[in-house]
Structure formats: C-alpha cells, structure tokens
Amino acid sequence: MIDQLSAQEICRVASEALAASSIGEIRSLAVRRESDSLRVSGTVHSFYNKQLALETVRSVARGMRILNTVHVV
C-alpha cells in the first residue's frame, strides 16, 4: 500500500510529467489523488492522445491504480 505522503508526491510527479508533454492537449489534463488511485481527467481529440496520457502517468504511478476518465471529443 502507498503511504499518504508518497501518494501525494506521485500525483505531483504525474501532473508534472503531463505538463512537460510535447502534446499540447495532454498538458491540460488533470491528475488527482483518490485514496490509493490517480484519476486522470480532461478532454483530448484522439484515442491516441488519451493512451499517451495514460502511459505518461503509468510511467510514474509506482503501482498506484489509474482511473482514466479522459474524454475523447
């Protein structure tokens, strides 16, 4: 189980990873910590960008569950 401090740090790092993306719309996605999970939310214009966002967060999630609520429009 991830302790509270570590979970907050992982959330911050995940947000920073998205913000550093070369894909503009991925930079605007939000990451929130919910218990032992990370919720990624926002809107993108392709399933490819949704998957890129998921993989970006997964690379720093350290075993935390990821709830991908990104919408494709």
N, C-alpha and C. Protein backbone atom coordinates (compact mmCIF):
# COMPACT_ATOMS: atom_id res chain seq x y z
N MET A 1 0.85 -1.19 0.00
CA MET A 1 0.00 0.00 0.00
C MET A 1 0.89 1.25 0.00
N ILE A 2 0.51 2.26 -0.76
CA ILE A 2 1.26 3.50 -0.86
C ILE A 2 0.91 4.38 0.34
N ASP A 3 1.91 4.92 1.03
CA ASP A 3 1.58 5.82 2.15
C ASP A 3 1.13 7.17 1.62
N GLN A 4 0.47 7.96 2.47
CA GLN A 4 -0.16 9.22 2.04
C GLN A 4 0.84 10.19 1.42
N LEU A 5 1.99 10.37 2.03
CA LEU A 5 2.97 11.31 1.51
C LEU A 5 3.46 10.86 0.13
N SER A 6 3.76 9.59 0.01
CA SER A 6 4.22 9.07 -1.27
C SER A 6 3.16 9.22 -2.35
N ALA A 7 1.90 8.98 -2.01
CA ALA A 7 0.82 9.10 -2.98
C ALA A 7 0.69 10.53 -3.47
N GLN A 8 0.83 11.50 -2.57
CA GLN A 8 0.77 12.90 -2.98
C GLN A 8 1.94 13.25 -3.87
N GLU A 9 3.12 12.76 -3.55
CA GLU A 9 4.30 13.01 -4.37
C GLU A 9 4.15 12.40 -5.75
N ILE A 10 3.62 11.18 -5.82
CA ILE A 10 3.41 10.52 -7.11
C ILE A 10 2.41 11.32 -7.94
N CYS A 11 1.36 11.83 -7.32
CA CYS A 11 0.37 12.65 -8.02
C CYS A 11 1.03 13.90 -8.59
N ARG A 12 1.87 14.55 -7.79
CA ARG A 12 2.57 15.76 -8.25
C ARG A 12 3.48 15.44 -9.43
N VAL A 13 4.22 14.36 -9.33
CA VAL A 13 5.14 13.96 -10.41
C VAL A 13 4.36 13.60 -11.68
N ALA A 14 3.22 12.93 -11.53
CA ALA A 14 2.39 12.58 -12.69
C ALA A 14 1.87 13.85 -13.36
N SER A 15 1.44 14.82 -12.58
CA SER A 15 0.96 16.10 -13.13
C SER A 15 2.08 16.81 -13.88
N GLU A 16 3.27 16.80 -13.30
CA GLU A 16 4.42 17.44 -13.95
C GLU A 16 4.80 16.71 -15.24
N ALA A 17 4.69 15.39 -15.25
CA ALA A 17 5.00 14.63 -16.47
C ALA A 17 4.04 14.98 -17.60
N LEU A 18 2.76 15.12 -17.28
CA LEU A 18 1.80 15.53 -18.30
C LEU A 18 2.07 16.96 -18.76
N ALA A 19 2.39 17.84 -17.83
CA ALA A 19 2.65 19.24 -18.16
C ALA A 19 3.88 19.39 -19.05
N ALA A 20 4.79 18.44 -18.99
CA ALA A 20 6.00 18.51 -19.80
C ALA A 20 5.85 17.84 -21.17
N SER A 21 4.68 17.32 -21.46
CA SER A 21 4.45 16.62 -22.72
C SER A 21 4.60 17.56 -23.92
N SER A 22 5.05 16.99 -25.04
CA SER A 22 5.15 17.77 -26.27
C SER A 22 3.78 17.89 -26.95
N ILE A 23 2.78 17.15 -26.46
CA ILE A 23 1.42 17.20 -27.00
C ILE A 23 0.63 18.21 -26.17
N GLY A 24 0.24 19.31 -26.79
CA GLY A 24 -0.41 20.41 -26.08
C GLY A 24 -1.63 20.03 -25.28
N GLU A 25 -2.55 19.25 -25.85
CA GLU A 25 -3.77 18.95 -25.12
C GLU A 25 -3.54 18.02 -23.94
N ILE A 26 -2.49 17.24 -23.96
CA ILE A 26 -2.16 16.39 -22.82
C ILE A 26 -1.70 17.24 -21.64
N ARG A 27 -1.05 18.35 -21.92
CA ARG A 27 -0.56 19.23 -20.86
C ARG A 27 -1.70 19.81 -20.03
N SER A 28 -2.90 19.88 -20.58
CA SER A 28 -4.02 20.47 -19.85
C SER A 28 -4.82 19.46 -19.03
N LEU A 29 -4.45 18.19 -19.06
CA LEU A 29 -5.18 17.18 -18.29
C LEU A 29 -4.87 17.31 -16.80
N ALA A 30 -5.81 16.90 -15.99
CA ALA A 30 -5.66 17.00 -14.54
C ALA A 30 -5.40 15.62 -13.95
N VAL A 31 -4.60 15.60 -12.88
CA VAL A 31 -4.36 14.37 -12.12
C VAL A 31 -4.72 14.66 -10.67
N ARG A 32 -5.59 13.82 -10.11
CA ARG A 32 -5.99 13.95 -8.70
C ARG A 32 -5.75 12.63 -8.00
N ARG A 33 -5.37 12.72 -6.75
CA ARG A 33 -5.22 11.51 -5.94
C ARG A 33 -6.55 11.20 -5.29
N GLU A 34 -6.97 9.96 -5.38
CA GLU A 34 -8.18 9.48 -4.73
C GLU A 34 -7.81 8.20 -4.00
N SER A 35 -7.57 8.31 -2.70
CA SER A 35 -7.14 7.19 -1.87
C SER A 35 -5.83 6.64 -2.44
N ASP A 36 -5.83 5.40 -2.89
CA ASP A 36 -4.61 4.81 -3.46
C ASP A 36 -4.65 4.79 -4.99
N SER A 37 -5.43 5.71 -5.58
CA SER A 37 -5.57 5.78 -7.03
C SER A 37 -5.23 7.17 -7.54
N LEU A 38 -4.91 7.24 -8.82
CA LEU A 38 -4.73 8.51 -9.52
C LEU A 38 -5.84 8.63 -10.55
N ARG A 39 -6.59 9.73 -10.53
CA ARG A 39 -7.63 9.96 -11.53
C ARG A 39 -7.10 10.97 -12.54
N VAL A 40 -7.07 10.57 -13.80
CA VAL A 40 -6.66 11.45 -14.88
C VAL A 40 -7.94 11.89 -15.59
N SER A 41 -8.12 13.20 -15.74
CA SER A 41 -9.36 13.69 -16.35
C SER A 41 -9.08 14.86 -17.27
N GLY A 42 -10.02 15.10 -18.16
CA GLY A 42 -9.93 16.18 -19.12
C GLY A 42 -10.43 15.71 -20.47
N THR A 43 -10.08 16.46 -21.50
CA THR A 43 -10.56 16.17 -22.85
C THR A 43 -9.41 16.22 -23.84
N VAL A 44 -9.39 15.26 -24.74
CA VAL A 44 -8.43 15.24 -25.85
C VAL A 44 -9.20 14.98 -27.14
N HIS A 45 -8.51 15.09 -28.27
CA HIS A 45 -9.18 14.94 -29.56
C HIS A 45 -8.92 13.60 -30.26
N SER A 46 -8.17 12.71 -29.60
CA SER A 46 -7.95 11.40 -30.22
C SER A 46 -7.70 10.35 -29.14
N PHE A 47 -8.04 9.10 -29.48
CA PHE A 47 -7.78 7.99 -28.58
C PHE A 47 -6.27 7.81 -28.40
N TYR A 48 -5.50 8.14 -29.43
CA TYR A 48 -4.05 8.06 -29.34
C TYR A 48 -3.53 8.96 -28.22
N ASN A 49 -4.02 10.20 -28.17
CA ASN A 49 -3.58 11.12 -27.12
C ASN A 49 -4.06 10.67 -25.74
N LYS A 50 -5.23 10.06 -25.68
CA LYS A 50 -5.72 9.52 -24.41
C LYS A 50 -4.76 8.43 -23.94
N GLN A 51 -4.34 7.57 -24.84
CA GLN A 51 -3.42 6.49 -24.49
C GLN A 51 -2.05 7.04 -24.11
N LEU A 52 -1.57 8.06 -24.83
CA LEU A 52 -0.30 8.69 -24.47
C LEU A 52 -0.35 9.25 -23.05
N ALA A 53 -1.44 9.87 -22.71
CA ALA A 53 -1.59 10.42 -21.35
C ALA A 53 -1.56 9.30 -20.32
N LEU A 54 -2.26 8.21 -20.59
CA LEU A 54 -2.29 7.08 -19.67
C LEU A 54 -0.88 6.51 -19.48
N GLU A 55 -0.17 6.33 -20.56
CA GLU A 55 1.18 5.77 -20.47
C GLU A 55 2.15 6.72 -19.76
N THR A 56 1.95 8.01 -19.94
CA THR A 56 2.78 9.00 -19.25
C THR A 56 2.57 8.89 -17.75
N VAL A 57 1.33 8.82 -17.33
CA VAL A 57 1.02 8.70 -15.89
C VAL A 57 1.48 7.34 -15.37
N ARG A 58 1.26 6.29 -16.14
CA ARG A 58 1.66 4.94 -15.72
C ARG A 58 3.17 4.87 -15.46
N SER A 59 3.95 5.61 -16.20
CA SER A 59 5.41 5.55 -16.06
C SER A 59 5.90 6.06 -14.70
N VAL A 60 5.07 6.82 -14.00
CA VAL A 60 5.46 7.35 -12.69
C VAL A 60 4.54 6.88 -11.56
N ALA A 61 3.54 6.06 -11.86
CA ALA A 61 2.49 5.71 -10.89
C ALA A 61 2.96 4.78 -9.77
N ARG A 62 4.05 4.09 -9.95
CA ARG A 62 4.62 3.21 -8.91
C ARG A 62 3.59 2.27 -8.29
N GLY A 63 2.84 1.61 -9.11
CA GLY A 63 1.89 0.62 -8.62
C GLY A 63 0.53 1.15 -8.21
N MET A 64 0.34 2.47 -8.26
CA MET A 64 -0.97 3.01 -7.93
C MET A 64 -1.95 2.69 -9.07
N ARG A 65 -3.20 2.49 -8.71
CA ARG A 65 -4.25 2.27 -9.70
C ARG A 65 -4.51 3.59 -10.42
N ILE A 66 -4.74 3.51 -11.74
CA ILE A 66 -5.01 4.70 -12.54
C ILE A 66 -6.44 4.64 -13.05
N LEU A 67 -7.20 5.68 -12.75
CA LEU A 67 -8.57 5.81 -13.23
C LEU A 67 -8.53 6.80 -14.39
N ASN A 68 -8.68 6.32 -15.59
CA ASN A 68 -8.57 7.16 -16.77
C ASN A 68 -9.96 7.62 -17.19
N THR A 69 -10.30 8.85 -16.82
CA THR A 69 -11.61 9.42 -17.18
C THR A 69 -11.47 10.51 -18.22
N VAL A 70 -10.42 10.42 -19.03
CA VAL A 70 -10.20 11.37 -20.12
C VAL A 70 -11.24 11.09 -21.21
N HIS A 71 -11.88 12.15 -21.71
CA HIS A 71 -12.90 12.02 -22.76
C HIS A 71 -12.29 12.40 -24.11
N VAL A 72 -12.68 11.67 -25.13
CA VAL A 72 -12.26 11.96 -26.49
C VAL A 72 -13.44 12.63 -27.20
N VAL A 73 -13.20 13.81 -27.76
CA VAL A 73 -14.26 14.53 -28.48
C VAL A 73 -13.86 14.77 -29.91
